[in-house]
């Protein structure tokens, strides 16, 4: 009966199982209006209750930013520190919003949010720019966040030019800023879905279109978000599965035939009963006897789904091990990678870190720093260290081999995190080249 359930049939049915909610983040420089934008989306989509609105009144005015700034330190300082997630829905779609901080020192939080996002809305504050200048220069943090969401392969990038209600000539400001964003995106190789003029404070072009304003006749920001695609599951790559939890059943259990169940999320490819797998790091091989979904129903599953895998024989497997398609991956001990450096101390060659790949921890030594990217000129510069919030290319020497793919092919298998061995702080987002 299970013989008819193949990875191919799993791929055909997987899309119907996925929720259509769009997970997007707002990012950009400090005080560009990210929290206000999300507050406007929540209010105008009628997601906020009256008692919540009453709680964010300041001097008779509604402070929309307070709907997302939940930490006491955020309210006191008037800034966003951590990523705040909010949920809302329209008649067409459900949304999960991540309000990312704009301050440089909290770039690590923005990277965390972007790594799993379907889309990114990069806000640009028109009042901070020399908008009357056709050759105006964008703010460094706008450029940095745009580069990071592109590096992290966020599928859809939208530029939102905000606070156009506060400039003398909104049409000219939008035209010059949109042209500067286009020049930057072309130079950086960033594919942009749209550049939308808006005022989050007034609500112009956020939920309802402000047709013809600034010469723009496209959809409002929300209408655009309703049309954006979800991140496609990586079904075309070979099967890879990081083991997150090992569950042991008694011999009388019907669901696992008395064998252990290895739980996790299918990273790439698909899995079905009868296919062979190789265990990393032991190199042992086995055959899949059964695949269980999140509610323990048997059947084949594709990338993006949680699964419990039962093998045809007992194999020594623990949390952090990987189940892989035989022969599809070549484990390596040296990796070329792009890093977004997020530690307070600079990255220097020779330092030892923990590298987290899936759920597997291995020691990693920084063998070489090749380049640092200048976010203003987009030029790769020779470097001996990477300062905080820098983006650069490095070589890592691993204590144990890992099965990786280039991040350009797989967000799931091509990403790692570097963690300081002493402080245990997350030091870098690492993308395999």
Protein backbone atom coordinates (compact mmCIF):
# COMPACT_ATOMS: atom_id res chain seq x y z
CA UNK A 1 0.00 0.00 0.00
CA UNK A 2 2.81 2.41 0.88
CA UNK A 3 4.65 1.46 -2.30
CA UNK A 4 2.41 3.81 -4.26
CA UNK A 5 3.46 6.79 -2.08
CA UNK A 6 6.59 8.13 -3.69
CA UNK A 7 8.49 11.43 -3.30
CA UNK A 8 6.88 12.52 -6.57
CA UNK A 9 3.34 12.09 -5.25
CA UNK A 10 4.35 13.87 -2.06
CA UNK A 11 5.54 16.83 -4.10
CA UNK A 12 2.23 17.01 -5.91
CA UNK A 13 0.22 17.14 -2.69
CA UNK A 14 2.55 19.27 -0.57
CA UNK A 15 1.35 22.65 -1.78
CA UNK A 16 -2.19 22.04 -0.60
CA UNK A 17 -0.90 21.35 2.93
CA UNK A 18 0.97 24.63 3.28
CA UNK A 19 -0.75 27.68 4.75
CA UNK A 20 -0.91 30.67 2.44
CA UNK A 21 0.08 33.17 5.15
CA UNK A 22 2.78 35.58 3.97
CA UNK A 23 5.60 36.14 6.43
CA UNK A 24 7.24 39.51 5.79
CA UNK A 25 9.51 41.90 7.65
CA UNK A 26 9.82 45.66 7.67
CA UNK A 27 13.38 46.96 7.79
CA UNK A 28 15.48 50.01 6.99
CA UNK A 29 17.18 52.80 8.91
CA UNK A 30 16.33 54.18 12.35
CA UNK A 31 13.03 56.08 12.63
CA UNK A 32 11.99 55.39 9.04
CA UNK A 33 8.52 54.56 10.34
CA UNK A 34 8.58 50.76 10.42
CA UNK A 35 6.59 50.38 13.64
CA UNK A 36 4.16 53.10 12.54
CA UNK A 37 3.62 51.29 9.23
CA UNK A 38 2.75 48.03 10.98
CA UNK A 39 0.46 49.89 13.38
CA UNK A 40 -1.30 51.43 10.37
CA UNK A 41 -1.72 48.02 8.72
CA UNK A 42 -3.20 46.61 11.94
CA UNK A 43 -5.56 49.56 12.50
CA UNK A 44 -6.77 49.96 8.91
CA UNK A 45 -7.31 46.22 8.52
CA UNK A 46 -9.42 46.38 11.72
CA UNK A 47 -7.21 43.89 13.56
CA UNK A 48 -6.74 46.06 16.66
CA UNK A 49 -9.34 46.07 19.43
CA UNK A 50 -10.67 49.32 20.85
CA UNK A 51 -9.04 48.76 24.25
CA UNK A 52 -5.68 48.27 22.52
CA UNK A 53 -6.13 51.53 20.65
CA UNK A 54 -7.01 53.29 23.90
CA UNK A 55 -3.77 52.02 25.42
CA UNK A 56 -1.58 53.69 22.78
CA UNK A 57 -3.03 57.20 23.06
CA UNK A 58 -0.43 59.93 23.64
CA UNK A 59 -1.72 63.48 24.15
CA UNK A 60 -4.96 62.74 22.38
CA UNK A 61 -3.17 61.24 19.36
CA UNK A 62 -2.81 57.54 18.50
CA UNK A 63 0.85 56.49 18.57
CA UNK A 64 0.74 53.61 16.07
CA UNK A 65 4.35 52.55 16.81
CA UNK A 66 3.38 51.51 20.35
CA UNK A 67 1.25 48.69 18.93
CA UNK A 68 4.46 46.80 18.08
CA UNK A 69 7.05 48.17 20.52
CA UNK A 70 6.25 45.76 23.33
CA UNK A 71 9.43 45.90 25.44
CA UNK A 72 9.51 48.50 28.20
CA UNK A 73 12.93 49.68 26.95
CA UNK A 74 11.43 50.21 23.49
CA UNK A 75 8.62 52.34 24.86
CA UNK A 76 10.99 54.36 27.03
CA UNK A 77 13.54 55.02 24.30
CA UNK A 78 11.14 55.22 21.37
CA UNK A 79 13.08 52.62 19.37
CA UNK A 80 12.64 49.02 18.26
CA UNK A 81 15.17 46.64 19.85
CA UNK A 82 13.88 43.13 19.27
CA UNK A 83 11.83 41.72 16.40
CA UNK A 84 8.13 42.05 17.19
CA UNK A 85 5.80 39.66 15.36
CA UNK A 86 2.18 40.56 14.71
CA UNK A 87 -0.61 38.71 12.92
CA UNK A 88 -3.47 40.02 10.84
CA UNK A 89 -5.65 38.95 7.96
CA UNK A 90 -7.62 40.43 5.10
CA UNK A 91 -10.36 38.83 3.06
CA UNK A 92 -7.67 37.65 0.63
CA UNK A 93 -4.81 36.51 2.87
CA UNK A 94 -3.24 35.99 6.28
CA UNK A 95 -0.02 37.77 7.27
CA UNK A 96 2.76 37.40 9.82
CA UNK A 97 4.71 40.66 10.19
CA UNK A 98 8.17 41.02 11.71
CA UNK A 99 9.06 44.55 12.83
CA UNK A 100 12.89 44.53 12.58
CA UNK A 101 15.04 47.08 14.45
CA UNK A 102 16.81 49.78 12.44
CA UNK A 103 19.74 50.49 14.78
CA UNK A 104 23.08 49.07 13.66
CA UNK A 105 23.70 47.38 17.00
CA UNK A 106 20.52 45.31 16.57
CA UNK A 107 21.28 44.18 13.01
CA UNK A 108 21.54 40.58 14.30
CA UNK A 109 17.83 40.66 15.18
CA UNK A 110 16.96 41.88 11.71
CA UNK A 111 19.02 39.05 10.13
CA UNK A 112 17.20 36.49 12.29
CA UNK A 113 13.82 37.75 11.08
CA UNK A 114 14.88 37.95 7.42
CA UNK A 115 16.26 34.39 7.31
CA UNK A 116 12.74 32.90 7.28
CA UNK A 117 10.79 35.71 5.58
CA UNK A 118 8.84 35.44 2.33
CA UNK A 119 9.17 39.17 1.67
CA UNK A 120 10.90 42.29 2.95
CA UNK A 121 9.55 45.83 2.94
CA UNK A 122 12.52 48.21 3.09
CA UNK A 123 11.36 51.60 4.31
CA UNK A 124 13.06 54.80 3.16
CA UNK A 125 12.40 58.05 5.05
CA UNK A 126 12.08 60.84 2.46
CA UNK A 127 12.69 63.54 5.08
CA UNK A 128 16.21 62.25 5.84
CA UNK A 129 17.42 62.47 2.27
CA UNK A 130 18.44 65.33 0.00
CA UNK A 131 15.30 64.59 -1.98
CA UNK A 132 15.62 67.63 -4.27
CA UNK A 133 18.93 66.25 -5.59
CA UNK A 134 18.49 63.85 -8.56
CA UNK A 135 21.78 62.15 -7.53
CA UNK A 136 20.93 61.81 -3.84
CA UNK A 137 22.73 59.28 -1.62
CA UNK A 138 20.81 56.62 0.32
CA UNK A 139 21.41 56.06 4.03
CA UNK A 140 24.00 53.35 4.88
CA UNK A 141 21.53 51.30 6.93
CA UNK A 142 19.02 51.29 4.07
CA UNK A 143 21.75 49.90 1.83
CA UNK A 144 22.95 47.42 4.46
CA UNK A 145 19.48 46.01 5.15
CA UNK A 146 18.75 45.76 1.43
CA UNK A 147 22.01 43.88 0.87
CA UNK A 148 21.28 41.55 3.78
CA UNK A 149 17.78 40.59 2.65
CA UNK A 150 19.21 39.95 -0.82
CA UNK A 151 22.05 37.83 0.60
CA UNK A 152 19.52 35.90 2.68
CA UNK A 153 17.52 35.20 -0.49
CA UNK A 154 14.30 36.78 0.69
CA UNK A 155 12.18 36.08 -2.40
CA UNK A 156 10.39 39.44 -2.67
CA UNK A 157 11.84 42.88 -1.89
CA UNK A 158 9.65 45.97 -1.87
CA UNK A 159 10.91 49.54 -1.35
CA UNK A 160 8.45 51.82 0.46
CA UNK A 161 9.24 55.54 0.33
CA UNK A 162 7.69 56.87 3.54
CA UNK A 163 6.85 60.28 5.05
CA UNK A 164 6.19 61.89 1.66
CA UNK A 165 3.42 63.87 3.35
CA UNK A 166 6.15 65.81 5.20
CA UNK A 167 8.12 67.11 2.19
CA UNK A 168 7.38 70.22 0.12
CA UNK A 169 7.21 68.42 -3.23
CA UNK A 170 6.15 64.80 -2.76
CA UNK A 171 6.17 64.01 -6.48
CA UNK A 172 9.73 65.21 -7.01
CA UNK A 173 10.94 63.55 -3.83
CA UNK A 174 9.44 60.20 -4.85
CA UNK A 175 10.86 60.42 -8.39
CA UNK A 176 14.42 61.17 -7.18
CA UNK A 177 14.37 58.61 -4.35
CA UNK A 178 12.88 55.89 -6.57
CA UNK A 179 15.60 56.55 -9.17
CA UNK A 180 18.32 56.30 -6.48
CA UNK A 181 16.85 53.02 -5.22
CA UNK A 182 16.74 51.65 -8.77
CA UNK A 183 20.41 52.56 -9.37
CA UNK A 184 21.44 50.91 -6.12
CA UNK A 185 19.36 47.78 -6.74
CA UNK A 186 20.80 47.33 -10.23
CA UNK A 187 24.37 47.75 -8.96
CA UNK A 188 23.78 45.29 -6.10
CA UNK A 189 21.88 42.75 -8.20
CA UNK A 190 18.70 43.08 -6.12
CA UNK A 191 15.44 42.17 -7.82
CA UNK A 192 12.77 44.61 -6.62
CA UNK A 193 9.04 43.92 -6.90
CA UNK A 194 7.95 47.56 -6.60
CA UNK A 195 8.78 50.97 -5.15
CA UNK A 196 5.69 52.39 -3.44
CA UNK A 197 5.20 56.02 -2.30
CA UNK A 198 3.32 56.29 0.98
CA UNK A 199 2.66 57.94 4.31
CA UNK A 200 2.30 55.45 7.16
CA UNK A 201 1.18 58.24 9.50
CA UNK A 202 -1.63 59.44 7.22
CA UNK A 203 -2.40 56.01 5.80
CA UNK A 204 -1.84 57.04 2.19
CA UNK A 205 -1.10 54.07 -0.12
CA UNK A 206 -0.76 51.68 2.85
CA UNK A 207 -4.10 49.83 2.80
CA UNK A 208 -6.17 51.91 0.38
CA UNK A 209 -4.55 53.21 -2.83
CA UNK A 210 -3.95 56.95 -3.11
CA UNK A 211 -4.33 56.82 -6.88
CA UNK A 212 -2.23 59.19 -8.93
CA UNK A 213 -0.37 60.58 -5.92
CA UNK A 214 3.31 61.27 -6.77
CA UNK A 215 2.55 60.03 -10.28
CA UNK A 216 2.14 56.48 -8.94
CA UNK A 217 -0.82 54.45 -10.20
CA UNK A 218 0.10 51.00 -8.89
CA UNK A 219 -1.40 49.02 -6.01
CA UNK A 220 -1.20 50.08 -2.37
CA UNK A 221 1.37 48.34 -0.19
CA UNK A 222 -1.21 45.93 1.24
CA UNK A 223 -2.64 45.13 -2.19
CA UNK A 224 0.90 44.36 -3.35
CA UNK A 225 1.59 42.13 -0.33
CA UNK A 226 -1.59 40.18 -1.01
CA UNK A 227 -0.16 39.24 -4.42
CA UNK A 228 3.34 38.17 -3.36
CA UNK A 229 4.26 34.47 -3.46
CA UNK A 230 5.27 32.35 -0.50
CA UNK A 231 8.81 30.98 -0.39
CA UNK A 232 8.77 27.76 -2.43
CA UNK A 233 9.85 24.61 -0.64
CA UNK A 234 13.17 23.21 -1.86
CA UNK A 235 11.69 20.09 -3.40
CA UNK A 236 14.06 19.78 -6.37
CA UNK A 237 17.20 19.17 -4.30
CA UNK A 238 18.23 15.76 -2.96
CA UNK A 239 16.66 14.58 0.29
CA UNK A 240 18.17 16.08 3.47
CA UNK A 241 16.70 15.82 6.96
CA UNK A 242 18.21 17.23 10.19
CA UNK A 243 17.21 15.11 13.19
CA UNK A 244 15.75 17.30 15.93
CA UNK A 245 14.32 14.75 18.35
CA UNK A 246 14.57 10.99 18.83
CA UNK A 247 11.41 9.34 20.19
CA UNK A 248 11.53 5.82 21.57
CA UNK A 249 8.39 3.71 21.47
CA UNK A 250 7.59 0.52 23.31
CA UNK A 251 7.51 -2.76 21.44
CA UNK A 252 3.70 -2.70 21.48
CA UNK A 253 3.45 0.64 19.63
CA UNK A 254 1.54 0.34 16.38
CA UNK A 255 2.80 3.55 14.78
CA UNK A 256 6.50 2.70 14.81
CA UNK A 257 6.57 -1.10 15.03
CA UNK A 258 8.60 -0.75 18.23
CA UNK A 259 11.41 1.22 16.57
CA UNK A 260 12.61 4.73 17.30
CA UNK A 261 11.10 7.66 15.39
CA UNK A 262 13.41 10.44 14.21
CA UNK A 263 11.55 13.75 14.17
CA UNK A 264 12.43 16.96 12.36
CA UNK A 265 11.55 19.03 9.32
CA UNK A 266 12.39 17.87 5.81
CA UNK A 267 14.95 20.43 4.64
CA UNK A 268 15.17 19.51 0.95
CA UNK A 269 13.74 16.93 -1.40
CA UNK A 270 11.15 14.40 -0.24
CA UNK A 271 10.98 11.17 1.75
CA UNK A 272 8.84 8.08 1.28
CA UNK A 273 8.86 4.51 2.56
CA UNK A 274 11.32 2.28 0.74
CA UNK A 275 14.00 4.83 -0.10
CA UNK A 276 17.58 4.49 1.10
CA UNK A 277 19.22 7.03 3.42
CA UNK A 278 22.74 7.67 4.68
CA UNK A 279 23.40 8.91 8.21
CA UNK A 280 25.82 11.78 8.80
CA UNK A 281 28.30 11.64 10.50
CA UNK A 282 28.42 7.86 10.98
CA UNK A 283 28.05 6.98 7.29
CA UNK A 284 25.70 4.08 8.05
CA UNK A 285 22.90 3.30 5.61
CA UNK A 286 19.34 2.14 6.12
CA UNK A 287 15.99 2.05 4.39
CA UNK A 288 12.97 4.15 5.33
CA UNK A 289 10.29 1.86 6.74
CA UNK A 290 7.66 4.47 7.53
CA UNK A 291 7.08 8.23 7.35
CA UNK A 292 4.71 9.95 9.79
CA UNK A 293 3.35 13.46 9.46
CA UNK A 294 2.73 15.90 12.32
CA UNK A 295 -0.42 14.03 13.40
CA UNK A 296 1.26 10.62 13.01
CA UNK A 297 -0.56 9.70 9.81
CA UNK A 298 1.65 7.64 7.46
CA UNK A 299 2.58 8.86 3.98
CA UNK A 300 5.30 10.49 1.90
CA UNK A 301 6.33 14.07 2.74
CA UNK A 302 8.18 16.84 0.91
CA UNK A 303 10.47 19.69 1.94
CA UNK A 304 9.00 22.13 4.46
CA UNK A 305 6.94 19.53 6.31
CA UNK A 306 7.57 18.12 9.77
CA UNK A 307 8.13 14.38 9.67
CA UNK A 308 8.82 11.38 11.83
CA UNK A 309 10.99 8.80 10.07
CA UNK A 310 11.18 5.13 11.08
CA UNK A 311 14.05 3.09 9.64
CA UNK A 312 14.03 -0.61 8.79
CA UNK A 313 16.74 -1.35 11.34
CA UNK A 314 18.19 0.14 14.50
CA UNK A 315 20.93 2.68 13.70
CA UNK A 316 22.83 4.85 16.18
CA UNK A 317 21.29 8.26 15.47
CA UNK A 318 21.01 11.27 17.82
CA UNK A 319 19.82 14.85 17.72
CA UNK A 320 22.02 16.81 15.32
CA UNK A 321 22.62 13.94 12.89
CA UNK A 322 21.41 14.23 9.28
CA UNK A 323 19.58 11.70 7.12
CA UNK A 324 20.65 12.20 3.49
CA UNK A 325 20.04 10.77 0.04
CA UNK A 326 22.94 8.37 -0.58
CA UNK A 327 25.69 9.84 -2.74
CA UNK A 328 23.97 13.21 -3.17
CA UNK A 329 26.16 15.11 -0.69
CA UNK A 330 29.92 15.24 -0.20
CA UNK A 331 30.71 16.19 3.41
CA UNK A 332 33.46 18.81 3.59
CA UNK A 333 35.80 20.12 6.28
CA UNK A 334 36.49 23.50 4.66
CA UNK A 335 33.84 26.01 3.64
CA UNK A 336 33.93 29.28 1.73
CA UNK A 337 31.20 31.49 3.14
CA UNK A 338 29.66 34.94 3.19
CA UNK A 339 29.09 36.19 6.74
CA UNK A 340 27.01 38.96 8.23
CA UNK A 341 29.13 39.68 11.30
CA UNK A 342 26.94 40.51 14.30
CA UNK A 343 29.26 40.30 17.31
CA UNK A 344 30.41 43.38 19.22
CA UNK A 345 34.03 42.25 18.80
CA UNK A 346 35.57 42.19 15.30
CA UNK A 347 36.09 38.91 13.48
CA UNK A 348 39.76 38.01 13.08
CA UNK A 349 41.45 35.01 11.47
CA UNK A 350 42.40 32.22 13.85
CA UNK A 351 39.39 32.53 16.16
CA UNK A 352 37.46 29.38 17.08
CA UNK A 353 33.64 29.31 17.13
CA UNK A 354 30.80 26.86 17.38
CA UNK A 355 29.03 26.37 14.03
CA UNK A 356 25.38 25.30 14.11
CA UNK A 357 24.20 23.54 10.94
CA UNK A 358 20.65 22.24 11.23
CA UNK A 359 20.78 20.92 14.80
CA UNK A 360 24.41 19.83 14.63
CA UNK A 361 27.17 21.67 16.51
CA UNK A 362 30.79 21.49 15.30
CA UNK A 363 33.87 23.56 16.08
CA UNK A 364 34.85 25.95 13.29
CA UNK A 365 38.08 27.94 12.96
CA UNK A 366 38.27 31.11 10.88
CA UNK A 367 41.04 30.17 8.51
CA UNK A 368 41.06 33.31 6.37
CA UNK A 369 39.23 36.59 5.81
CA UNK A 370 39.10 37.18 2.06
CA UNK A 371 37.09 40.37 1.59
CA UNK A 372 34.90 42.95 3.28
CA UNK A 373 32.02 44.49 1.35
CA UNK A 374 31.77 48.28 1.39
CA UNK A 375 28.00 48.85 1.71
CA UNK A 376 28.30 52.31 0.15
CA UNK A 377 30.34 51.47 -2.96
CA UNK A 378 29.57 47.72 -3.15
CA UNK A 379 33.30 47.14 -3.69
CA UNK A 380 34.96 44.07 -2.15
CA UNK A 381 37.96 45.32 -0.14
CA UNK A 382 40.92 43.37 1.20
CA UNK A 383 40.48 42.95 4.96
CA UNK A 384 42.25 41.42 7.96
CA UNK A 385 39.18 41.69 10.19
CA UNK A 386 35.44 42.28 10.00
CA UNK A 387 34.02 44.97 12.31
CA UNK A 388 30.54 44.69 13.85
CA UNK A 389 27.70 44.67 11.26
CA UNK A 390 30.12 44.14 8.37
CA UNK A 391 29.49 41.74 5.49
CA UNK A 392 32.45 39.74 4.24
CA UNK A 393 33.81 36.53 2.72
CA UNK A 394 35.73 34.05 4.88
CA UNK A 395 37.09 30.50 4.88
CA UNK A 396 36.11 28.17 7.72
CA UNK A 397 37.97 25.01 8.75
CA UNK A 398 35.60 22.53 10.44
CA UNK A 399 36.50 20.02 13.13
CA UNK A 400 34.03 17.51 11.64
CA UNK A 401 32.71 17.28 8.06
CA UNK A 402 29.32 18.74 7.20
CA UNK A 403 27.08 18.07 4.19
CA UNK A 404 26.29 21.52 2.81
CA UNK A 405 24.97 23.11 -0.37
CA UNK A 406 25.65 26.64 -1.62
CA UNK A 407 23.15 29.02 -0.02
CA UNK A 408 22.23 30.18 -3.53
CA UNK A 409 20.74 26.70 -4.02
CA UNK A 410 19.37 25.97 -0.55
CA UNK A 411 18.43 28.29 2.30
CA UNK A 412 17.93 25.24 4.52
CA UNK A 413 21.18 23.33 3.90
CA UNK A 414 23.42 26.26 2.93
CA UNK A 415 23.08 28.28 6.14
CA UNK A 416 24.94 28.12 9.44
CA UNK A 417 25.23 30.21 12.58
CA UNK A 418 28.52 30.99 14.31
CA UNK A 419 28.36 31.17 18.12
CA UNK A 420 31.06 32.49 20.46
CA UNK A 421 32.48 29.60 22.49
CA UNK A 422 32.89 31.72 25.64
CA UNK A 423 29.93 34.11 25.71
CA UNK A 424 27.56 31.83 23.72
CA UNK A 425 26.34 34.89 21.80
CA UNK A 426 25.34 34.53 18.16
CA UNK A 427 28.27 36.02 16.25
CA UNK A 428 27.43 35.61 12.58
CA UNK A 429 24.93 34.46 10.01
CA UNK A 430 26.95 32.27 7.65
CA UNK A 431 25.96 31.55 4.05
CA UNK A 432 27.85 28.82 2.21
CA UNK A 433 29.34 29.94 -1.11
